[in-house]
Each structure stands twice: as C-alpha cells, then as structure tokens.
Amino acid sequence: MQQRILLAVNPHARRGAATRDSALALLRERGHTVDAIEPRDGPHLSAEIARRAGRIDLVAVGGGDGTLVGAVDGLRRAGLPLLILPLGTMNDLARTLGVPSALSAACALADTGTDRRIDVACVNGQWYFSEASIGLSTHVARAQTAEVKSRWGMLAIPIATARSLRALRPYHLEIEDDVGRRRRVRTVQLTVANSNRFGGVVENPDASIDDGHLDLFTIRWNSIWDALGVVAAVARRHFPDAPAVESLRGTRFVVRASNPRHRHNVYADGEPATRTPAEFTLVPEAIAVRVPR
C-alpha cells in the first residue's frame, strides 16, 4: 500500500547525507511518496511533523537516540508512527525494539512492520526513550566527542569510560519516590531507565519499554570488587544482580543533591538534558513505532 512518508535524517550523523539519499531511493522504489527534510534540531523536527499532520502517514527518522527523541512532540501531536533508521553509535531504542541496522531492512518495515506503542520518559520536561543518568555515564557521554565517535565507532564507549574513571567521585543524592518517601544515597552512578536495554551494553530483562514503569538504579563503588561485580552482571545481561546495585521501581522520581548548593548534570539518551533537582516521569504508550512483526 502506498504511503506518504516524511523522511528526516540528521545531517551530522555518520553517513548522514548518503543515508538520506539511499533511504529516499529505497522508500520510493517501494512505491511510497517521500518528502525529505534535514532537521535543524528537535523543535524544528517536531514542528515539521505537526505541520504536516493529515498529509503524511509515517515519519522516518535517521539518526541516533538523541535525534529520534526530538520527534516525540510532533509524533504525539500528529498521532503518527515512527520508522527508525538507526545511525547512532549505540542505537539503544532500535536494538530494544528489534529494528534491523541494515538500511534496506529498516526501510522495508514501512510495509512489513507493525506498530507498537511504547512508553516515553521525561526529565524536567526533556523526553527520553532509554535512560537518564547522573554520575559516571555523564562523564562518559561528554568524553565521547564527535571526533572520538567518528574515529573509533563502538570502541568510543570503553575509551571514554577509561578516561572518565580518572575523574570518578561519589555523589550524595536524595531520592523521592512516587509516594513521597525519601532516602539518601552515596553513589557513583544514578540511572532512571525506561527500557530493558540502555547504555549500549546494559540489560535488565525484568523491564520493558512498554511496562508503564521506570526503574531507578544506583551503583555503590567502594572497591575494585564492586566494580568487578557490576562488570560481571552486565556480562550476564542481568545488571540488577550486581551486589553493588540498588534499584527502585515507580512512575515518578525526584532526585536532588543532598547539599542544595550543588547542582549535578543530567544526561538523557547520551545528550545533555538538565541539572538537579530533576523530576523523572513517564507517559505510558506515548507514541507508536514501526517494528518487525
């Protein structure tokens, strides 16, 4: 069936221009009417999607998770499904949903896929799909410069982590859950996850991106044994099993620095999002994504 598709590819992504041209050709070969744009940023992309509501059937977005999340507002307002063309370093959302990395196979989902509704999380008004974090991963994200990603690809993650460990220090945080209970923690990493897969390598098989819950994790790192335990749990694909990991489940969390004079950076899906105090919330079944049947 012919569909009217809006194609938006991040021009700054690796292979961005080449992917746009290839995706345009592949989708048109399948008989679809395609209009291609180059989004300047998330607000521009969402505005373009909303403006074309009623005149398009599907939105295909090429880029990493940071690019994809920029489409959420527009997709919700227009009530349109998202077709993912994975172009990022980690592509957590695509991997979580089983979207193939090969461009031709991803484009084929326009015809062969089915629409799955997923939850989308929010931190201080900023959307994210997989996880938002304070601590070690924010240092790792900053160390993954465009130059490092371009040169090393997936190896950018361990390289950036090794560099970030030198600046590792504990954070003193206060966590408030969705019923108002508060607790204080000393941690090197706090993550609020919306998915069973995040950070490129971390998995939590007890969660799902459509289960209506957020999972908050903190990591204690007092010795090399704590670090080895976390690494072993990640290798077993069951991150919460690590003795140094503590977890909470809920639909809303507020995280503050124990010292109100301190404000800590929060990254969401690998991009700078906000600073503490940070409120994490969830919109169940917020958008539909075209996935393999």
C-alpha atoms as a PDB file:
ATOM      1  CA  MET A   1       0.000   0.000   0.000  1.00  0.00           C
ATOM      2  CA  GLN A   2       1.375   3.389  -0.961  1.00  0.00           C
ATOM      3  CA  GLN A   3       2.145   5.638   1.996  1.00  0.00           C
ATOM      4  CA  ARG A   4       3.042   9.312   2.311  1.00  0.00           C
ATOM      5  CA  ILE A   5       6.303   9.432   4.264  1.00  0.00           C
ATOM      6  CA  LEU A   6       8.217  12.311   5.796  1.00  0.00           C
ATOM      7  CA  LEU A   7      11.927  11.429   5.814  1.00  0.00           C
ATOM      8  CA  ALA A   8      14.175  13.317   8.258  1.00  0.00           C
ATOM      9  CA  VAL A   9      17.858  12.381   8.532  1.00  0.00           C
ATOM     10  CA  ASN A  10      20.305  14.034  10.915  1.00  0.00           C
ATOM     11  CA  PRO A  11      22.855  15.653   8.573  1.00  0.00           C
ATOM     12  CA  HIS A  12      25.516  15.445  11.311  1.00  0.00           C
ATOM     13  CA  ALA A  13      25.148  11.692  11.820  1.00  0.00           C
ATOM     14  CA  ARG A  14      27.766   9.372  10.428  1.00  0.00           C
ATOM     15  CA  ARG A  15      26.834   8.660   6.797  1.00  0.00           C
ATOM     16  CA  GLY A  16      24.004  11.202   7.175  1.00  0.00           C
ATOM     17  CA  ALA A  17      23.874  12.591   3.632  1.00  0.00           C
ATOM     18  CA  ALA A  18      24.496   9.220   1.992  1.00  0.00           C
ATOM     19  CA  THR A  19      21.832   7.578   4.147  1.00  0.00           C
ATOM     20  CA  ARG A  20      19.265  10.236   3.258  1.00  0.00           C
ATOM     21  CA  ASP A  21      19.789   9.656  -0.463  1.00  0.00           C
ATOM     22  CA  SER A  22      19.731   5.869  -0.097  1.00  0.00           C
ATOM     23  CA  ALA A  23      16.627   5.857   2.114  1.00  0.00           C
ATOM     24  CA  LEU A  24      14.858   8.200  -0.280  1.00  0.00           C
ATOM     25  CA  ALA A  25      15.561   5.830  -3.168  1.00  0.00           C
ATOM     26  CA  LEU A  26      14.645   2.689  -1.211  1.00  0.00           C
ATOM     27  CA  LEU A  27      11.310   4.050   0.002  1.00  0.00           C
ATOM     28  CA  ARG A  28      10.379   5.405  -3.431  1.00  0.00           C
ATOM     29  CA  GLU A  29      11.276   2.067  -5.015  1.00  0.00           C
ATOM     30  CA  ARG A  30       8.671   0.522  -2.719  1.00  0.00           C
ATOM     31  CA  GLY A  31       6.058   2.836  -4.226  1.00  0.00           C
ATOM     32  CA  HIS A  32       5.813   5.427  -1.460  1.00  0.00           C
ATOM     33  CA  THR A  33       5.603   9.203  -1.803  1.00  0.00           C
ATOM     34  CA  VAL A  34       8.513  10.641   0.182  1.00  0.00           C
ATOM     35  CA  ASP A  35       9.334  14.200   1.219  1.00  0.00           C
ATOM     36  CA  ALA A  36      12.838  14.598   2.691  1.00  0.00           C
ATOM     37  CA  ILE A  37      13.940  17.297   5.156  1.00  0.00           C
ATOM     38  CA  GLU A  38      17.099  17.998   7.148  1.00  0.00           C
ATOM     39  CA  PRO A  39      16.054  18.750  10.748  1.00  0.00           C
ATOM     40  CA  ARG A  40      17.998  21.567  12.384  1.00  0.00           C
ATOM     41  CA  ASP A  41      17.108  20.345  15.875  1.00  0.00           C
ATOM     42  CA  GLY A  42      14.380  18.589  17.835  1.00  0.00           C
ATOM     43  CA  PRO A  43      11.904  21.522  17.968  1.00  0.00           C
ATOM     44  CA  HIS A  44      12.263  22.064  14.206  1.00  0.00           C
ATOM     45  CA  LEU A  45      11.663  18.363  13.517  1.00  0.00           C
ATOM     46  CA  SER A  46       8.596  18.195  15.768  1.00  0.00           C
ATOM     47  CA  ALA A  47       7.183  21.380  14.247  1.00  0.00           C
ATOM     48  CA  GLU A  48       7.567  19.969  10.730  1.00  0.00           C
ATOM     49  CA  ILE A  49       5.830  16.732  11.719  1.00  0.00           C
ATOM     50  CA  ALA A  50       2.932  18.571  13.368  1.00  0.00           C
ATOM     51  CA  ARG A  51       2.603  20.966  10.436  1.00  0.00           C
ATOM     52  CA  ARG A  52       2.174  18.059   8.017  1.00  0.00           C
ATOM     53  CA  ALA A  53      -0.382  16.175  10.127  1.00  0.00           C
ATOM     54  CA  GLY A  54      -3.142  14.861   7.898  1.00  0.00           C
ATOM     55  CA  ARG A  55      -0.872  14.914   4.844  1.00  0.00           C
ATOM     56  CA  ILE A  56       1.549  12.129   5.813  1.00  0.00           C
ATOM     57  CA  ASP A  57       1.111   8.560   7.091  1.00  0.00           C
ATOM     58  CA  LEU A  58       4.535   7.768   8.531  1.00  0.00           C
ATOM     59  CA  VAL A  59       7.631   9.598   9.810  1.00  0.00           C
ATOM     60  CA  ALA A  60      11.025   8.023   9.049  1.00  0.00           C
ATOM     61  CA  VAL A  61      13.864   9.449  11.154  1.00  0.00           C
ATOM     62  CA  GLY A  62      17.545   8.649  10.615  1.00  0.00           C
ATOM     63  CA  GLY A  63      19.970   9.269  13.463  1.00  0.00           C
ATOM     64  CA  GLY A  64      20.853   8.189  16.973  1.00  0.00           C
ATOM     65  CA  ASP A  65      18.553   8.162  20.000  1.00  0.00           C
ATOM     66  CA  GLY A  66      19.151  11.887  20.531  1.00  0.00           C
ATOM     67  CA  THR A  67      17.761  12.642  17.064  1.00  0.00           C
ATOM     68  CA  LEU A  68      14.811  10.273  17.451  1.00  0.00           C
ATOM     69  CA  VAL A  69      13.691  11.790  20.740  1.00  0.00           C
ATOM     70  CA  GLY A  70      13.441  15.182  19.033  1.00  0.00           C
ATOM     71  CA  ALA A  71      10.453  13.847  17.086  1.00  0.00           C
ATOM     72  CA  VAL A  72       8.370  12.861  20.127  1.00  0.00           C
ATOM     73  CA  ASP A  73       6.381  16.100  20.482  1.00  0.00           C
ATOM     74  CA  GLY A  74       5.497  16.150  16.803  1.00  0.00           C
ATOM     75  CA  LEU A  75       4.581  12.457  16.688  1.00  0.00           C
ATOM     76  CA  ARG A  76       2.278  12.807  19.692  1.00  0.00           C
ATOM     77  CA  ARG A  77       0.521  15.899  18.310  1.00  0.00           C
ATOM     78  CA  ALA A  78       0.105  14.386  14.845  1.00  0.00           C
ATOM     79  CA  GLY A  79      -0.699  10.857  16.029  1.00  0.00           C
ATOM     80  CA  LEU A  80       1.770   9.365  13.542  1.00  0.00           C
ATOM     81  CA  PRO A  81       4.004   6.269  13.819  1.00  0.00           C
ATOM     82  CA  LEU A  82       7.815   6.440  13.767  1.00  0.00           C
ATOM     83  CA  LEU A  83      10.058   4.441  11.426  1.00  0.00           C
ATOM     84  CA  ILE A  84      13.609   4.238  12.833  1.00  0.00           C
ATOM     85  CA  LEU A  85      16.652   4.340  10.551  1.00  0.00           C
ATOM     86  CA  PRO A  86      19.483   3.599  13.030  1.00  0.00           C
ATOM     87  CA  LEU A  87      22.524   5.842  12.502  1.00  0.00           C
ATOM     88  CA  GLY A  88      23.821   6.387  16.049  1.00  0.00           C
ATOM     89  CA  THR A  89      26.717   4.858  17.943  1.00  0.00           C
ATOM     90  CA  MET A  90      24.635   2.713  20.312  1.00  0.00           C
ATOM     91  CA  ASN A  91      21.099   2.808  18.815  1.00  0.00           C
ATOM     92  CA  ASP A  92      19.570   1.587  22.087  1.00  0.00           C
ATOM     93  CA  LEU A  93      15.961   2.182  21.022  1.00  0.00           C
ATOM     94  CA  ALA A  94      16.370   0.377  17.699  1.00  0.00           C
ATOM     95  CA  ARG A  95      18.081  -2.582  19.355  1.00  0.00           C
ATOM     96  CA  THR A  96      15.452  -2.737  22.095  1.00  0.00           C
ATOM     97  CA  LEU A  97      12.659  -2.908  19.518  1.00  0.00           C
ATOM     98  CA  GLY A  98      14.467  -5.280  17.154  1.00  0.00           C
ATOM     99  CA  VAL A  99      14.769  -2.757  14.327  1.00  0.00           C
ATOM    100  CA  PRO A 100      17.467  -4.020  11.924  1.00  0.00           C
ATOM    101  CA  SER A 101      20.621  -1.952  11.486  1.00  0.00           C
ATOM    102  CA  ALA A 102      20.782  -2.514   7.723  1.00  0.00           C
ATOM    103  CA  LEU A 103      19.158   0.434   5.961  1.00  0.00           C
ATOM    104  CA  SER A 104      17.299  -1.651   3.383  1.00  0.00           C
ATOM    105  CA  ALA A 105      15.792  -3.878   6.079  1.00  0.00           C
ATOM    106  CA  ALA A 106      14.824  -0.876   8.231  1.00  0.00           C
ATOM    107  CA  CYS A 107      13.113   0.797   5.251  1.00  0.00           C
ATOM    108  CA  ALA A 108      11.261  -2.433   4.459  1.00  0.00           C
ATOM    109  CA  LEU A 109       9.460  -2.148   7.816  1.00  0.00           C
ATOM    110  CA  ALA A 110       7.383   0.643   6.268  1.00  0.00           C
ATOM    111  CA  ASP A 111       5.492  -2.199   4.524  1.00  0.00           C
ATOM    112  CA  THR A 112       6.225  -5.327   6.540  1.00  0.00           C
ATOM    113  CA  GLY A 113       6.252  -3.999  10.101  1.00  0.00           C
ATOM    114  CA  THR A 114       3.594  -3.474  12.715  1.00  0.00           C
ATOM    115  CA  ASP A 115       3.061  -0.512  15.035  1.00  0.00           C
ATOM    116  CA  ARG A 116       3.999  -0.987  18.699  1.00  0.00           C
ATOM    117  CA  ARG A 117       3.120   1.631  21.292  1.00  0.00           C
ATOM    118  CA  ILE A 118       5.938   2.420  23.727  1.00  0.00           C
ATOM    119  CA  ASP A 119       6.346   4.456  26.899  1.00  0.00           C
ATOM    120  CA  VAL A 120       8.385   7.654  26.774  1.00  0.00           C
ATOM    121  CA  ALA A 121      10.060   9.106  29.877  1.00  0.00           C
ATOM    122  CA  CYS A 122      10.674  12.738  30.747  1.00  0.00           C
ATOM    123  CA  VAL A 123      13.170  14.560  32.969  1.00  0.00           C
ATOM    124  CA  ASN A 124      12.405  18.209  33.746  1.00  0.00           C
ATOM    125  CA  GLY A 125      10.438  18.498  30.522  1.00  0.00           C
ATOM    126  CA  GLN A 126      13.021  16.717  28.321  1.00  0.00           C
ATOM    127  CA  TRP A 127      11.894  13.492  26.642  1.00  0.00           C
ATOM    128  CA  TYR A 128      13.990  10.325  26.566  1.00  0.00           C
ATOM    129  CA  PHE A 129      13.487   6.727  25.487  1.00  0.00           C
ATOM    130  CA  SER A 130      16.022   4.541  27.299  1.00  0.00           C
ATOM    131  CA  GLU A 131      17.740   6.164  30.272  1.00  0.00           C
ATOM    132  CA  ALA A 132      18.700   9.375  32.036  1.00  0.00           C
ATOM    133  CA  SER A 133      21.698   9.461  34.350  1.00  0.00           C
ATOM    134  CA  ILE A 134      23.764  11.378  36.871  1.00  0.00           C
ATOM    135  CA  GLY A 135      27.378  10.445  37.555  1.00  0.00           C
ATOM    136  CA  LEU A 136      29.857   8.290  35.674  1.00  0.00           C
ATOM    137  CA  SER A 137      27.830   7.982  32.461  1.00  0.00           C
ATOM    138  CA  THR A 138      27.577  11.779  32.136  1.00  0.00           C
ATOM    139  CA  HIS A 139      31.380  11.949  32.119  1.00  0.00           C
ATOM    140  CA  VAL A 140      31.453   9.111  29.561  1.00  0.00           C
ATOM    141  CA  ALA A 141      28.927  10.924  27.345  1.00  0.00           C
ATOM    142  CA  ARG A 142      30.974  14.142  27.430  1.00  0.00           C
ATOM    143  CA  ALA A 143      34.160  12.211  26.610  1.00  0.00           C
ATOM    144  CA  GLN A 144      32.501  10.705  23.509  1.00  0.00           C
ATOM    145  CA  THR A 145      33.204  13.674  21.303  1.00  0.00           C
ATOM    146  CA  ALA A 146      32.261  13.683  17.633  1.00  0.00           C
ATOM    147  CA  GLU A 147      35.917  13.067  16.803  1.00  0.00           C
ATOM    148  CA  VAL A 148      36.135  10.042  19.120  1.00  0.00           C
ATOM    149  CA  LYS A 149      32.858   8.566  17.775  1.00  0.00           C
ATOM    150  CA  SER A 150      33.906   9.099  14.167  1.00  0.00           C
ATOM    151  CA  ARG A 151      37.332   7.559  14.680  1.00  0.00           C
ATOM    152  CA  TRP A 152      36.502   4.633  16.960  1.00  0.00           C
ATOM    153  CA  GLY A 153      32.795   3.816  16.459  1.00  0.00           C
ATOM    154  CA  MET A 154      31.588   1.394  19.181  1.00  0.00           C
ATOM    155  CA  LEU A 155      35.076   1.438  20.732  1.00  0.00           C
ATOM    156  CA  ALA A 156      34.338   5.041  21.705  1.00  0.00           C
ATOM    157  CA  ILE A 157      32.395   3.709  24.720  1.00  0.00           C
ATOM    158  CA  PRO A 158      35.245   1.815  26.503  1.00  0.00           C
ATOM    159  CA  ILE A 159      37.738   4.522  25.533  1.00  0.00           C
ATOM    160  CA  ALA A 160      35.546   7.262  27.010  1.00  0.00           C
ATOM    161  CA  THR A 161      34.849   5.139  30.105  1.00  0.00           C
ATOM    162  CA  ALA A 162      38.559   4.605  30.766  1.00  0.00           C
ATOM    163  CA  ARG A 163      39.152   8.349  30.539  1.00  0.00           C
ATOM    164  CA  SER A 164      36.193   9.137  32.788  1.00  0.00           C
ATOM    165  CA  LEU A 165      37.211   6.751  35.572  1.00  0.00           C
ATOM    166  CA  ARG A 166      40.071   9.083  36.414  1.00  0.00           C
ATOM    167  CA  ALA A 167      37.559  11.754  37.459  1.00  0.00           C
ATOM    168  CA  LEU A 168      35.248   9.351  39.294  1.00  0.00           C
ATOM    169  CA  ARG A 169      33.862  10.630  42.588  1.00  0.00           C
ATOM    170  CA  PRO A 170      30.793   9.773  44.684  1.00  0.00           C
ATOM    171  CA  TYR A 171      27.604  11.815  44.507  1.00  0.00           C
ATOM    172  CA  HIS A 172      25.466  12.464  47.590  1.00  0.00           C
ATOM    173  CA  LEU A 173      21.845  12.461  46.427  1.00  0.00           C
ATOM    174  CA  GLU A 174      18.339  12.452  47.847  1.00  0.00           C
ATOM    175  CA  ILE A 175      15.677  10.361  46.065  1.00  0.00           C
ATOM    176  CA  GLU A 176      11.944  10.924  46.437  1.00  0.00           C
ATOM    177  CA  ASP A 177       9.657   8.208  45.039  1.00  0.00           C
ATOM    178  CA  ASP A 178       6.117   8.413  43.676  1.00  0.00           C
ATOM    179  CA  VAL A 179       4.502   8.124  47.136  1.00  0.00           C
ATOM    180  CA  GLY A 180       6.707  10.789  48.718  1.00  0.00           C
ATOM    181  CA  ARG A 181       9.198   8.575  50.563  1.00  0.00           C
ATOM    182  CA  ARG A 182      12.732   9.971  50.671  1.00  0.00           C
ATOM    183  CA  ARG A 183      16.114   8.306  51.011  1.00  0.00           C
ATOM    184  CA  ARG A 184      19.717   9.465  50.754  1.00  0.00           C
ATOM    185  CA  VAL A 185      22.363   7.602  48.764  1.00  0.00           C
ATOM    186  CA  ARG A 186      26.076   7.825  48.116  1.00  0.00           C
ATOM    187  CA  THR A 187      26.666   6.638  44.579  1.00  0.00           C
ATOM    188  CA  VAL A 188      28.945   6.983  41.555  1.00  0.00           C
ATOM    189  CA  GLN A 189      26.025   6.497  39.166  1.00  0.00           C
ATOM    190  CA  LEU A 190      22.278   7.035  39.285  1.00  0.00           C
ATOM    191  CA  THR A 191      20.210   5.910  36.297  1.00  0.00           C
ATOM    192  CA  VAL A 192      16.464   6.159  35.719  1.00  0.00           C
ATOM    193  CA  ALA A 193      15.687   3.669  32.960  1.00  0.00           C
ATOM    194  CA  ASN A 194      12.557   3.366  30.826  1.00  0.00           C
ATOM    195  CA  SER A 195      13.727   0.283  28.954  1.00  0.00           C
ATOM    196  CA  ASN A 196      15.255  -3.151  29.396  1.00  0.00           C
ATOM    197  CA  ARG A 197      18.348  -2.031  27.449  1.00  0.00           C
ATOM    198  CA  PHE A 198      20.414   1.111  27.901  1.00  0.00           C
ATOM    199  CA  GLY A 199      23.935   2.483  27.811  1.00  0.00           C
ATOM    200  CA  GLY A 200      24.805   0.319  24.821  1.00  0.00           C
ATOM    201  CA  VAL A 201      25.644  -2.776  26.900  1.00  0.00           C
ATOM    202  CA  VAL A 202      23.413  -2.789  29.986  1.00  0.00           C
ATOM    203  CA  GLU A 203      20.359  -5.061  30.136  1.00  0.00           C
ATOM    204  CA  ASN A 204      17.580  -5.600  32.666  1.00  0.00           C
ATOM    205  CA  PRO A 205      15.363  -8.478  31.484  1.00  0.00           C
ATOM    206  CA  ASP A 206      12.802  -7.739  34.217  1.00  0.00           C
ATOM    207  CA  ALA A 207      11.795  -4.477  32.496  1.00  0.00           C
ATOM    208  CA  SER A 208      10.222  -3.456  29.206  1.00  0.00           C
ATOM    209  CA  ILE A 209       9.810  -0.208  27.290  1.00  0.00           C
ATOM    210  CA  ASP A 210       6.029  -0.622  27.466  1.00  0.00           C
ATOM    211  CA  ASP A 211       5.559  -1.842  31.069  1.00  0.00           C
ATOM    212  CA  GLY A 212       4.361   1.508  32.447  1.00  0.00           C
ATOM    213  CA  HIS A 213       7.222   1.808  34.973  1.00  0.00           C
ATOM    214  CA  LEU A 214      10.570   3.491  35.494  1.00  0.00           C
ATOM    215  CA  ASP A 215      13.496   1.655  37.111  1.00  0.00           C
ATOM    216  CA  LEU A 216      15.943   3.694  39.196  1.00  0.00           C
ATOM    217  CA  PHE A 217      19.408   2.218  39.794  1.00  0.00           C
ATOM    218  CA  THR A 218      22.271   3.423  41.976  1.00  0.00           C
ATOM    219  CA  ILE A 219      25.769   1.953  41.970  1.00  0.00           C
ATOM    220  CA  ARG A 220      27.968   1.735  45.070  1.00  0.00           C
ATOM    221  CA  TRP A 221      31.662   1.707  44.179  1.00  0.00           C
ATOM    222  CA  ASN A 222      33.755   1.304  47.333  1.00  0.00           C
ATOM    223  CA  SER A 223      36.311  -1.145  45.984  1.00  0.00           C
ATOM    224  CA  ILE A 224      37.500  -2.990  42.916  1.00  0.00           C
ATOM    225  CA  TRP A 225      35.182  -5.856  43.934  1.00  0.00           C
ATOM    226  CA  ASP A 226      32.150  -3.606  43.485  1.00  0.00           C
ATOM    227  CA  ALA A 227      33.396  -2.671  40.034  1.00  0.00           C
ATOM    228  CA  LEU A 228      34.039  -6.298  39.067  1.00  0.00           C
ATOM    229  CA  GLY A 229      30.596  -7.307  40.302  1.00  0.00           C
ATOM    230  CA  VAL A 230      28.942  -4.705  38.078  1.00  0.00           C
ATOM    231  CA  VAL A 231      31.006  -5.796  35.075  1.00  0.00           C
ATOM    232  CA  ALA A 232      30.091  -9.450  35.705  1.00  0.00           C
ATOM    233  CA  ALA A 233      26.363  -8.648  35.999  1.00  0.00           C
ATOM    234  CA  VAL A 234      26.469  -6.660  32.754  1.00  0.00           C
ATOM    235  CA  ALA A 235      28.228  -9.591  31.046  1.00  0.00           C
ATOM    236  CA  ARG A 236      25.468 -11.936  32.298  1.00  0.00           C
ATOM    237  CA  ARG A 237      22.892  -9.492  30.859  1.00  0.00           C
ATOM    238  CA  HIS A 238      21.240  -9.034  34.248  1.00  0.00           C
ATOM    239  CA  PHE A 239      22.563  -5.718  35.554  1.00  0.00           C
ATOM    240  CA  PRO A 240      20.366  -5.545  38.709  1.00  0.00           C
ATOM    241  CA  ASP A 241      22.008  -8.733  40.059  1.00  0.00           C
ATOM    242  CA  ALA A 242      25.251  -6.896  40.895  1.00  0.00           C
ATOM    243  CA  PRO A 243      25.691  -6.663  44.708  1.00  0.00           C
ATOM    244  CA  ALA A 244      26.695  -3.003  44.350  1.00  0.00           C
ATOM    245  CA  VAL A 245      23.469  -2.118  42.510  1.00  0.00           C
ATOM    246  CA  GLU A 246      20.331  -0.990  44.340  1.00  0.00           C
ATOM    247  CA  SER A 247      17.074  -0.486  42.483  1.00  0.00           C
ATOM    248  CA  LEU A 248      13.653   1.117  42.878  1.00  0.00           C
ATOM    249  CA  ARG A 249      10.596   0.854  40.624  1.00  0.00           C
ATOM    250  CA  GLY A 250       7.941   3.528  40.209  1.00  0.00           C
ATOM    251  CA  THR A 251       6.274   6.007  37.883  1.00  0.00           C
ATOM    252  CA  ARG A 252       7.860   9.203  39.245  1.00  0.00           C
ATOM    253  CA  PHE A 253      11.111  10.082  40.984  1.00  0.00           C
ATOM    254  CA  VAL A 254      12.616  13.383  42.120  1.00  0.00           C
ATOM    255  CA  VAL A 255      16.399  13.461  42.568  1.00  0.00           C
ATOM    256  CA  ARG A 256      18.157  16.287  44.401  1.00  0.00           C
ATOM    257  CA  ALA A 257      21.707  16.910  45.575  1.00  0.00           C
ATOM    258  CA  SER A 258      21.921  16.376  49.337  1.00  0.00           C
ATOM    259  CA  ASN A 259      23.672  19.740  49.520  1.00  0.00           C
ATOM    260  CA  PRO A 260      21.194  22.230  47.987  1.00  0.00           C
ATOM    261  CA  ARG A 261      24.090  24.399  46.793  1.00  0.00           C
ATOM    262  CA  HIS A 262      25.199  21.636  44.436  1.00  0.00           C
ATOM    263  CA  ARG A 263      23.601  21.022  41.040  1.00  0.00           C
ATOM    264  CA  HIS A 264      24.543  17.930  39.045  1.00  0.00           C
ATOM    265  CA  ASN A 265      24.310  17.426  35.288  1.00  0.00           C
ATOM    266  CA  VAL A 266      21.698  15.021  33.935  1.00  0.00           C
ATOM    267  CA  TYR A 267      22.171  13.364  30.543  1.00  0.00           C
ATOM    268  CA  ALA A 268      19.278  11.672  28.746  1.00  0.00           C
ATOM    269  CA  ASP A 269      19.900   9.124  25.976  1.00  0.00           C
ATOM    270  CA  GLY A 270      23.507  10.299  25.832  1.00  0.00           C
ATOM    271  CA  GLU A 271      22.713  14.012  25.429  1.00  0.00           C
ATOM    272  CA  PRO A 272      22.848  16.866  27.991  1.00  0.00           C
ATOM    273  CA  ALA A 273      19.293  17.404  29.264  1.00  0.00           C
ATOM    274  CA  THR A 274      19.088  19.332  32.543  1.00  0.00           C
ATOM    275  CA  ARG A 275      20.502  19.669  36.064  1.00  0.00           C
ATOM    276  CA  THR A 276      19.323  18.648  39.504  1.00  0.00           C
ATOM    277  CA  PRO A 277      16.843  18.916  41.087  1.00  0.00           C
ATOM    278  CA  ALA A 278      15.417  16.553  38.465  1.00  0.00           C
ATOM    279  CA  GLU A 279      11.890  15.157  38.219  1.00  0.00           C
ATOM    280  CA  PHE A 280      11.546  11.911  36.244  1.00  0.00           C
ATOM    281  CA  THR A 281       8.087  10.992  34.956  1.00  0.00           C
ATOM    282  CA  LEU A 282       6.554   8.649  32.402  1.00  0.00           C
ATOM    283  CA  VAL A 283       3.908   8.818  29.664  1.00  0.00           C
ATOM    284  CA  PRO A 284       2.679   5.254  29.017  1.00  0.00           C
ATOM    285  CA  GLU A 285       2.117   4.277  25.356  1.00  0.00           C
ATOM    286  CA  ALA A 286       3.117   7.777  24.284  1.00  0.00           C
ATOM    287  CA  ILE A 287       3.998   7.018  20.641  1.00  0.00           C
ATOM    288  CA  ALA A 288       3.836   4.188  18.093  1.00  0.00           C
ATOM    289  CA  VAL A 289       6.974   2.771  16.447  1.00  0.00           C
ATOM    290  CA  ARG A 290       7.032   0.585  13.313  1.00  0.00           C
ATOM    291  CA  VAL A 291       8.757  -2.669  14.353  1.00  0.00           C
ATOM    292  CA  PRO A 292       9.214  -6.192  12.925  1.00  0.00           C
ATOM    293  CA  ARG A 293       6.170  -8.428  13.260  1.00  0.00           C
END
